């Protein structure tokens, strides 16, 4: 059975990943609407580029989340 801290850590990581994905989709859609007449292909290309740029940020955030929950271990 998974302890409470591990479960909470995984949940927080999933929420952060979903938020980052939503931010990438919104930014890509805004850019595609403004400069490329809202074409879906350009939206997907821009979204992938934004996600690649945000990947190092996500890794750093995941490490901080893991460190936080490791320090919060209950006896």
Protein backbone atom coordinates (compact mmCIF):
# COMPACT_ATOMS: atom_id res chain seq x y z
CA UNK A 1 0.00 0.00 0.00
CA UNK A 2 1.21 3.49 -0.84
CA UNK A 3 1.64 5.82 2.10
CA UNK A 4 -0.20 9.13 2.29
CA UNK A 5 2.80 11.33 1.42
CA UNK A 6 3.61 9.38 -1.75
CA UNK A 7 -0.01 9.54 -2.86
CA UNK A 8 -0.18 13.28 -2.20
CA UNK A 9 3.14 13.83 -3.99
CA UNK A 10 1.93 11.97 -7.08
CA UNK A 11 -1.37 13.86 -7.04
CA UNK A 12 0.36 17.24 -6.83
CA UNK A 13 2.70 16.27 -9.69
CA UNK A 14 -0.26 15.29 -11.88
CA UNK A 15 -2.06 18.54 -11.14
CA UNK A 16 1.07 20.55 -12.00
CA UNK A 17 1.47 18.64 -15.28
CA UNK A 18 -2.17 19.29 -16.20
CA UNK A 19 -1.83 23.00 -15.42
CA UNK A 20 1.34 23.25 -17.54
CA UNK A 21 -0.40 21.49 -20.42
CA UNK A 22 -3.39 23.83 -20.20
CA UNK A 23 -1.10 26.87 -20.17
CA UNK A 24 0.71 25.55 -23.25
CA UNK A 25 -2.59 24.96 -25.07
CA UNK A 26 -3.91 28.42 -24.22
CA UNK A 27 -0.71 30.20 -25.27
CA UNK A 28 -0.47 28.16 -28.48
CA UNK A 29 -4.09 28.91 -29.35
CA UNK A 30 -3.63 32.63 -28.76
CA UNK A 31 -0.51 32.73 -30.94
CA UNK A 32 -2.12 30.64 -33.69
CA UNK A 33 -5.26 32.80 -33.69
CA UNK A 34 -3.31 36.02 -33.87
CA UNK A 35 -0.66 35.11 -36.45
CA UNK A 36 -1.80 31.97 -38.32
CA UNK A 37 -5.60 32.41 -38.61
CA UNK A 38 -6.26 29.75 -35.96
CA UNK A 39 -5.09 26.75 -37.96
CA UNK A 40 -4.91 23.60 -35.86
CA UNK A 41 -1.57 22.44 -37.30
CA UNK A 42 0.16 25.61 -36.17
CA UNK A 43 -1.53 25.36 -32.77
CA UNK A 44 -0.13 21.85 -32.29
CA UNK A 45 3.36 22.84 -33.45
CA UNK A 46 3.44 25.86 -31.15
CA UNK A 47 2.07 23.77 -28.25
CA UNK A 48 4.81 21.17 -28.67
CA UNK A 49 7.47 23.89 -28.74
CA UNK A 50 6.07 25.49 -25.57
CA UNK A 51 5.94 22.11 -23.80
CA UNK A 52 9.57 21.45 -24.78
CA UNK A 53 10.54 24.84 -23.37
CA UNK A 54 8.60 24.19 -20.14
CA UNK A 55 10.01 20.67 -19.61
CA UNK A 56 13.06 21.81 -17.58
CA UNK A 57 10.77 23.94 -15.44
CA UNK A 58 8.55 20.90 -14.84
CA UNK A 59 11.52 18.77 -13.82
CA UNK A 60 12.65 21.41 -11.33
CA UNK A 61 9.14 21.71 -9.90
CA UNK A 62 8.85 17.90 -9.58
CA UNK A 63 12.12 17.79 -7.63
CA UNK A 64 10.90 20.52 -5.27
CA UNK A 65 7.59 18.68 -4.75
CA UNK A 66 9.43 15.42 -3.98
CA UNK A 67 11.76 17.21 -1.56
CA UNK A 68 8.81 18.82 0.21
CA UNK A 69 7.01 15.52 0.72
CA UNK A 70 10.23 13.71 1.78
CA UNK A 71 10.70 16.28 4.53
CA UNK A 72 7.08 15.83 5.57
CA UNK A 73 7.36 12.09 6.35
CA UNK A 74 5.12 11.12 9.23
CA UNK A 75 6.52 8.74 11.88
